[in-house]
Amino acid sequence: MIGNLPAAVNAAVYGPGTPASDYPAEDNTTQGGVNLMSLLSYGSDAISAAFDEPLDKATVLAIASPFIVA
């Protein structure tokens, strides 16, 4: 959990989007169709941290909703 954010917000940040094939989770180690774990001698944490995954609209709204004032 990040700070005091609700679990649903954390799930949106670290989990996969919809569809997961286009919006993978934060622990993704495949880039451009290549599994980097088979090519590099770094751990999965280092490889997954090297890239930012795209976010779908629903995920962005789930992350931002606690900060949006209507």
PDB file of N, CA and C in Angstrom:
ATOM      1  N   MET A   1       0.839  -1.186   0.000  1.00  0.00           N
ATOM      2  CA  MET A   1       0.000   0.000   0.000  1.00  0.00           C
ATOM      3  C   MET A   1       0.876   1.239   0.000  1.00  0.00           C
ATOM      4  N   ILE A   2       0.536   2.195  -0.836  1.00  0.00           N
ATOM      5  CA  ILE A   2       1.259   3.459  -0.888  1.00  0.00           C
ATOM      6  C   ILE A   2       0.654   4.380   0.157  1.00  0.00           C
ATOM      7  N   GLY A   3       1.430   4.770   1.156  1.00  0.00           N
ATOM      8  CA  GLY A   3       0.929   5.684   2.170  1.00  0.00           C
ATOM      9  C   GLY A   3      -0.400   5.246   2.738  1.00  0.00           C
ATOM     10  N   ASN A   4      -1.369   6.153   2.734  1.00  0.00           N
ATOM     11  CA  ASN A   4      -2.698   5.856   3.254  1.00  0.00           C
ATOM     12  C   ASN A   4      -3.742   5.701   2.154  1.00  0.00           C
ATOM     13  N   LEU A   5      -3.302   5.436   0.925  1.00  0.00           N
ATOM     14  CA  LEU A   5      -4.252   5.290  -0.168  1.00  0.00           C
ATOM     15  C   LEU A   5      -5.037   3.991  -0.025  1.00  0.00           C
ATOM     16  N   PRO A   6      -6.304   3.996  -0.431  1.00  0.00           N
ATOM     17  CA  PRO A   6      -7.118   2.780  -0.351  1.00  0.00           C
ATOM     18  C   PRO A   6      -6.551   1.664  -1.224  1.00  0.00           C
ATOM     19  N   ALA A   7      -6.848   0.432  -0.851  1.00  0.00           N
ATOM     20  CA  ALA A   7      -6.338  -0.737  -1.581  1.00  0.00           C
ATOM     21  C   ALA A   7      -6.745  -0.705  -3.045  1.00  0.00           C
ATOM     22  N   ALA A   8      -7.937  -0.213  -3.358  1.00  0.00           N
ATOM     23  CA  ALA A   8      -8.397  -0.157  -4.750  1.00  0.00           C
ATOM     24  C   ALA A   8      -7.509   0.754  -5.594  1.00  0.00           C
ATOM     25  N   VAL A   9      -7.025   1.832  -4.999  1.00  0.00           N
ATOM     26  CA  VAL A   9      -6.130   2.737  -5.731  1.00  0.00           C
ATOM     27  C   VAL A   9      -4.804   2.048  -5.973  1.00  0.00           C
ATOM     28  N   ASN A  10      -4.278   1.348  -4.972  1.00  0.00           N
ATOM     29  CA  ASN A  10      -3.021   0.623  -5.149  1.00  0.00           C
ATOM     30  C   ASN A  10      -3.157  -0.455  -6.211  1.00  0.00           C
ATOM     31  N   ALA A  11      -4.286  -1.153  -6.240  1.00  0.00           N
ATOM     32  CA  ALA A  11      -4.504  -2.194  -7.243  1.00  0.00           C
ATOM     33  C   ALA A  11      -4.485  -1.577  -8.636  1.00  0.00           C
ATOM     34  N   ALA A  12      -5.060  -0.400  -8.780  1.00  0.00           N
ATOM     35  CA  ALA A  12      -5.055   0.268 -10.076  1.00  0.00           C
ATOM     36  C   ALA A  12      -3.640   0.654 -10.494  1.00  0.00           C
ATOM     37  N   VAL A  13      -2.824   1.071  -9.559  1.00  0.00           N
ATOM     38  CA  VAL A  13      -1.451   1.482  -9.873  1.00  0.00           C
ATOM     39  C   VAL A  13      -0.591   0.293 -10.270  1.00  0.00           C
ATOM     40  N   TYR A  14      -0.683  -0.804  -9.552  1.00  0.00           N
ATOM     41  CA  TYR A  14       0.224  -1.925  -9.767  1.00  0.00           C
ATOM     42  C   TYR A  14      -0.365  -3.080 -10.564  1.00  0.00           C
ATOM     43  N   GLY A  15      -1.674  -3.166 -10.672  1.00  0.00           N
ATOM     44  CA  GLY A  15      -2.311  -4.268 -11.373  1.00  0.00           C
ATOM     45  C   GLY A  15      -2.440  -4.010 -12.864  1.00  0.00           C
ATOM     46  N   PRO A  16      -2.914  -5.006 -13.593  1.00  0.00           N
ATOM     47  CA  PRO A  16      -3.091  -4.841 -15.039  1.00  0.00           C
ATOM     48  C   PRO A  16      -4.322  -4.003 -15.358  1.00  0.00           C
ATOM     49  N   GLY A  17      -4.322  -3.429 -16.554  1.00  0.00           N
ATOM     50  CA  GLY A  17      -5.473  -2.694 -17.036  1.00  0.00           C
ATOM     51  C   GLY A  17      -6.372  -3.610 -17.850  1.00  0.00           C
ATOM     52  N   THR A  18      -7.264  -3.000 -18.630  1.00  0.00           N
ATOM     53  CA  THR A  18      -8.189  -3.778 -19.442  1.00  0.00           C
ATOM     54  C   THR A  18      -8.047  -3.366 -20.900  1.00  0.00           C
ATOM     55  N   PRO A  19      -7.676  -4.293 -21.763  1.00  0.00           N
ATOM     56  CA  PRO A  19      -7.318  -5.691 -21.513  1.00  0.00           C
ATOM     57  C   PRO A  19      -5.873  -5.816 -21.030  1.00  0.00           C
ATOM     58  N   ALA A  20      -5.623  -6.820 -20.233  1.00  0.00           N
ATOM     59  CA  ALA A  20      -4.291  -7.020 -19.647  1.00  0.00           C
ATOM     60  C   ALA A  20      -3.218  -7.244 -20.710  1.00  0.00           C
ATOM     61  N   SER A  21      -3.601  -7.766 -21.866  1.00  0.00           N
ATOM     62  CA  SER A  21      -2.612  -7.982 -22.927  1.00  0.00           C
ATOM     63  C   SER A  21      -2.073  -6.654 -23.470  1.00  0.00           C
ATOM     64  N   ASP A  22      -2.874  -5.592 -23.413  1.00  0.00           N
ATOM     65  CA  ASP A  22      -2.439  -4.267 -23.860  1.00  0.00           C
ATOM     66  C   ASP A  22      -1.926  -3.401 -22.714  1.00  0.00           C
ATOM     67  N   TYR A  23      -2.411  -3.671 -21.507  1.00  0.00           N
ATOM     68  CA  TYR A  23      -2.058  -2.871 -20.330  1.00  0.00           C
ATOM     69  C   TYR A  23      -1.581  -3.795 -19.213  1.00  0.00           C
ATOM     70  N   PRO A  24      -0.330  -4.283 -19.312  1.00  0.00           N
ATOM     71  CA  PRO A  24       0.159  -5.260 -18.328  1.00  0.00           C
ATOM     72  C   PRO A  24       0.368  -4.649 -16.946  1.00  0.00           C
ATOM     73  N   ALA A  25       0.503  -5.517 -15.972  1.00  0.00           N
ATOM     74  CA  ALA A  25       0.738  -5.090 -14.592  1.00  0.00           C
ATOM     75  C   ALA A  25       2.144  -4.501 -14.447  1.00  0.00           C
ATOM     76  N   GLU A  26       2.368  -3.854 -13.354  1.00  0.00           N
ATOM     77  CA  GLU A  26       3.643  -3.194 -13.067  1.00  0.00           C
ATOM     78  C   GLU A  26       4.818  -4.170 -13.021  1.00  0.00           C
ATOM     79  N   ASP A  27       4.566  -5.447 -12.754  1.00  0.00           N
ATOM     80  CA  ASP A  27       5.660  -6.428 -12.670  1.00  0.00           C
ATOM     81  C   ASP A  27       6.015  -7.037 -14.030  1.00  0.00           C
ATOM     82  N   ASN A  28       5.596  -6.394 -15.104  1.00  0.00           N
ATOM     83  CA  ASN A  28       5.842  -6.857 -16.466  1.00  0.00           C
ATOM     84  C   ASN A  28       7.345  -6.902 -16.774  1.00  0.00           C
ATOM     85  N   THR A  29       7.821  -8.004 -17.348  1.00  0.00           N
ATOM     86  CA  THR A  29       9.231  -8.124 -17.752  1.00  0.00           C
ATOM     87  C   THR A  29       9.374  -8.344 -19.251  1.00  0.00           C
ATOM     88  N   THR A  30       8.274  -8.216 -19.997  1.00  0.00           N
ATOM     89  CA  THR A  30       8.300  -8.378 -21.450  1.00  0.00           C
ATOM     90  C   THR A  30       8.101  -7.020 -22.102  1.00  0.00           C
ATOM     91  N   GLN A  31       9.008  -6.669 -22.998  1.00  0.00           N
ATOM     92  CA  GLN A  31       8.916  -5.406 -23.717  1.00  0.00           C
ATOM     93  C   GLN A  31       9.083  -5.689 -25.202  1.00  0.00           C
ATOM     94  N   GLY A  32       8.185  -5.167 -26.028  1.00  0.00           N
ATOM     95  CA  GLY A  32       8.265  -5.388 -27.464  1.00  0.00           C
ATOM     96  C   GLY A  32       8.158  -6.852 -27.841  1.00  0.00           C
ATOM     97  N   GLY A  33       7.452  -7.631 -27.042  1.00  0.00           N
ATOM     98  CA  GLY A  33       7.290  -9.053 -27.308  1.00  0.00           C
ATOM     99  C   GLY A  33       8.470  -9.912 -26.896  1.00  0.00           C
ATOM    100  N   VAL A  34       9.471  -9.322 -26.246  1.00  0.00           N
ATOM    101  CA  VAL A  34      10.671 -10.055 -25.831  1.00  0.00           C
ATOM    102  C   VAL A  34      10.711 -10.140 -24.310  1.00  0.00           C
ATOM    103  N   ASN A  35      10.826 -11.363 -23.794  1.00  0.00           N
ATOM    104  CA  ASN A  35      10.956 -11.545 -22.354  1.00  0.00           C
ATOM    105  C   ASN A  35      12.398 -11.225 -21.963  1.00  0.00           C
ATOM    106  N   LEU A  36      12.590 -10.093 -21.311  1.00  0.00           N
ATOM    107  CA  LEU A  36      13.932  -9.626 -20.976  1.00  0.00           C
ATOM    108  C   LEU A  36      14.618 -10.472 -19.911  1.00  0.00           C
ATOM    109  N   MET A  37      13.856 -11.258 -19.166  1.00  0.00           N
ATOM    110  CA  MET A  37      14.458 -12.143 -18.163  1.00  0.00           C
ATOM    111  C   MET A  37      15.368 -13.171 -18.837  1.00  0.00           C
ATOM    112  N   SER A  38      15.060 -13.555 -20.079  1.00  0.00           N
ATOM    113  CA  SER A  38      15.871 -14.547 -20.773  1.00  0.00           C
ATOM    114  C   SER A  38      17.098 -13.933 -21.437  1.00  0.00           C
ATOM    115  N   LEU A  39      17.154 -12.600 -21.532  1.00  0.00           N
ATOM    116  CA  LEU A  39      18.272 -11.940 -22.202  1.00  0.00           C
ATOM    117  C   LEU A  39      19.244 -11.246 -21.261  1.00  0.00           C
ATOM    118  N   LEU A  40      18.753 -10.793 -20.130  1.00  0.00           N
ATOM    119  CA  LEU A  40      19.570  -9.974 -19.243  1.00  0.00           C
ATOM    120  C   LEU A  40      19.855 -10.678 -17.927  1.00  0.00           C
ATOM    121  N   SER A  41      20.923 -10.288 -17.293  1.00  0.00           N
ATOM    122  CA  SER A  41      21.298 -10.919 -16.026  1.00  0.00           C
ATOM    123  C   SER A  41      20.853 -10.090 -14.828  1.00  0.00           C
ATOM    124  N   TYR A  42      19.771  -9.329 -14.992  1.00  0.00           N
ATOM    125  CA  TYR A  42      19.205  -8.549 -13.893  1.00  0.00           C
ATOM    126  C   TYR A  42      18.006  -9.287 -13.323  1.00  0.00           C
ATOM    127  N   GLY A  43      17.639  -8.966 -12.105  1.00  0.00           N
ATOM    128  CA  GLY A  43      16.464  -9.568 -11.496  1.00  0.00           C
ATOM    129  C   GLY A  43      15.181  -8.975 -12.052  1.00  0.00           C
ATOM    130  N   SER A  44      14.068  -9.644 -11.794  1.00  0.00           N
ATOM    131  CA  SER A  44      12.779  -9.190 -12.319  1.00  0.00           C
ATOM    132  C   SER A  44      12.393  -7.814 -11.786  1.00  0.00           C
ATOM    133  N   ASP A  45      12.772  -7.493 -10.553  1.00  0.00           N
ATOM    134  CA  ASP A  45      12.447  -6.169 -10.002  1.00  0.00           C
ATOM    135  C   ASP A  45      13.129  -5.060 -10.804  1.00  0.00           C
ATOM    136  N   ALA A  46      14.397  -5.263 -11.144  1.00  0.00           N
ATOM    137  CA  ALA A  46      15.136  -4.252 -11.901  1.00  0.00           C
ATOM    138  C   ALA A  46      14.584  -4.111 -13.312  1.00  0.00           C
ATOM    139  N   ILE A  47      14.248  -5.223 -13.943  1.00  0.00           N
ATOM    140  CA  ILE A  47      13.728  -5.170 -15.310  1.00  0.00           C
ATOM    141  C   ILE A  47      12.353  -4.513 -15.338  1.00  0.00           C
ATOM    142  N   SER A  48      11.476  -4.899 -14.444  1.00  0.00           N
ATOM    143  CA  SER A  48      10.126  -4.319 -14.463  1.00  0.00           C
ATOM    144  C   SER A  48      10.145  -2.843 -14.087  1.00  0.00           C
ATOM    145  N   ALA A  49      11.105  -2.430 -13.271  1.00  0.00           N
ATOM    146  CA  ALA A  49      11.198  -1.025 -12.875  1.00  0.00           C
ATOM    147  C   ALA A  49      11.763  -0.142 -13.985  1.00  0.00           C
ATOM    148  N   ALA A  50      12.385  -0.739 -14.982  1.00  0.00           N
ATOM    149  CA  ALA A  50      13.014   0.030 -16.056  1.00  0.00           C
ATOM    150  C   ALA A  50      12.012   0.585 -17.057  1.00  0.00           C
ATOM    151  N   PHE A  51      10.783   0.103 -17.030  1.00  0.00           N
ATOM    152  CA  PHE A  51       9.785   0.519 -18.008  1.00  0.00           C
ATOM    153  C   PHE A  51       8.498   0.944 -17.320  1.00  0.00           C
ATOM    154  N   ASP A  52       7.825   1.917 -17.913  1.00  0.00           N
ATOM    155  CA  ASP A  52       6.498   2.304 -17.456  1.00  0.00           C
ATOM    156  C   ASP A  52       5.477   1.686 -18.395  1.00  0.00           C
ATOM    157  N   GLU A  53       4.484   1.040 -17.845  1.00  0.00           N
ATOM    158  CA  GLU A  53       3.443   0.430 -18.642  1.00  0.00           C
ATOM    159  C   GLU A  53       2.354   1.461 -18.936  1.00  0.00           C
ATOM    160  N   PRO A  54       1.697   1.342 -20.090  1.00  0.00           N
ATOM    161  CA  PRO A  54       0.606   2.274 -20.400  1.00  0.00           C
ATOM    162  C   PRO A  54      -0.599   2.016 -19.499  1.00  0.00           C
ATOM    163  N   LEU A  55      -1.434   3.013 -19.347  1.00  0.00           N
ATOM    164  CA  LEU A  55      -2.639   2.893 -18.525  1.00  0.00           C
ATOM    165  C   LEU A  55      -3.875   3.146 -19.373  1.00  0.00           C
ATOM    166  N   ASP A  56      -4.909   2.339 -19.158  1.00  0.00           N
ATOM    167  CA  ASP A  56      -6.178   2.576 -19.843  1.00  0.00           C
ATOM    168  C   ASP A  56      -6.973   3.644 -19.086  1.00  0.00           C
ATOM    169  N   LYS A  57      -8.006   4.182 -19.724  1.00  0.00           N
ATOM    170  CA  LYS A  57      -8.784   5.284 -19.145  1.00  0.00           C
ATOM    171  C   LYS A  57      -9.384   4.917 -17.791  1.00  0.00           C
ATOM    172  N   ALA A  58      -9.944   3.707 -17.670  1.00  0.00           N
ATOM    173  CA  ALA A  58     -10.564   3.298 -16.401  1.00  0.00           C
ATOM    174  C   ALA A  58      -9.540   3.267 -15.270  1.00  0.00           C
ATOM    175  N   THR A  59      -8.320   2.820 -15.560  1.00  0.00           N
ATOM    176  CA  THR A  59      -7.273   2.773 -14.544  1.00  0.00           C
ATOM    177  C   THR A  59      -6.855   4.181 -14.135  1.00  0.00           C
ATOM    178  N   VAL A  60      -6.710   5.057 -15.113  1.00  0.00           N
ATOM    179  CA  VAL A  60      -6.341   6.447 -14.809  1.00  0.00           C
ATOM    180  C   VAL A  60      -7.394   7.089 -13.907  1.00  0.00           C
ATOM    181  N   LEU A  61      -8.660   6.881 -14.219  1.00  0.00           N
ATOM    182  CA  LEU A  61      -9.729   7.454 -13.394  1.00  0.00           C
ATOM    183  C   LEU A  61      -9.746   6.838 -11.998  1.00  0.00           C
ATOM    184  N   ALA A  62      -9.435   5.537 -11.882  1.00  0.00           N
ATOM    185  CA  ALA A  62      -9.387   4.896 -10.565  1.00  0.00           C
ATOM    186  C   ALA A  62      -8.274   5.485  -9.713  1.00  0.00           C
ATOM    187  N   ILE A  63      -7.149   5.795 -10.348  1.00  0.00           N
ATOM    188  CA  ILE A  63      -6.014   6.379  -9.622  1.00  0.00           C
ATOM    189  C   ILE A  63      -6.317   7.836  -9.238  1.00  0.00           C
ATOM    190  N   ALA A  64      -6.887   8.586 -10.163  1.00  0.00           N
ATOM    191  CA  ALA A  64      -7.084  10.014  -9.950  1.00  0.00           C
ATOM    192  C   ALA A  64      -8.335  10.365  -9.149  1.00  0.00           C
ATOM    193  N   SER A  65      -9.308   9.450  -9.087  1.00  0.00           N
ATOM    194  CA  SER A  65     -10.594   9.781  -8.457  1.00  0.00           C
ATOM    195  C   SER A  65     -10.501  10.308  -7.019  1.00  0.00           C
ATOM    196  N   PRO A  66      -9.574   9.835  -6.186  1.00  0.00           N
ATOM    197  CA  PRO A  66      -9.513  10.405  -4.830  1.00  0.00           C
ATOM    198  C   PRO A  66      -9.085  11.878  -4.818  1.00  0.00           C
ATOM    199  N   PHE A  67      -8.522  12.345  -5.937  1.00  0.00           N
ATOM    200  CA  PHE A  67      -8.022  13.722  -5.998  1.00  0.00           C
ATOM    201  C   PHE A  67      -8.931  14.653  -6.798  1.00  0.00           C
ATOM    202  N   ILE A  68      -9.976  14.100  -7.412  1.00  0.00           N
ATOM    203  CA  ILE A  68     -10.885  14.901  -8.223  1.00  0.00           C
ATOM    204  C   ILE A  68     -12.039  15.394  -7.352  1.00  0.00           C
ATOM    205  N   VAL A  69     -12.221  16.705  -7.345  1.00  0.00           N
ATOM    206  CA  VAL A  69     -13.306  17.302  -6.580  1.00  0.00           C
ATOM    207  C   VAL A  69     -14.378  17.749  -7.564  1.00  0.00           C
ATOM    208  N   ALA A  70     -15.577  17.256  -7.354  1.00  0.00           N
ATOM    209  CA  ALA A  70     -16.666  17.602  -8.290  1.00  0.00           C
ATOM    210  C   ALA A  70     -17.279  18.926  -7.943  1.00  0.00           C
TER     211      ALA A  70
END
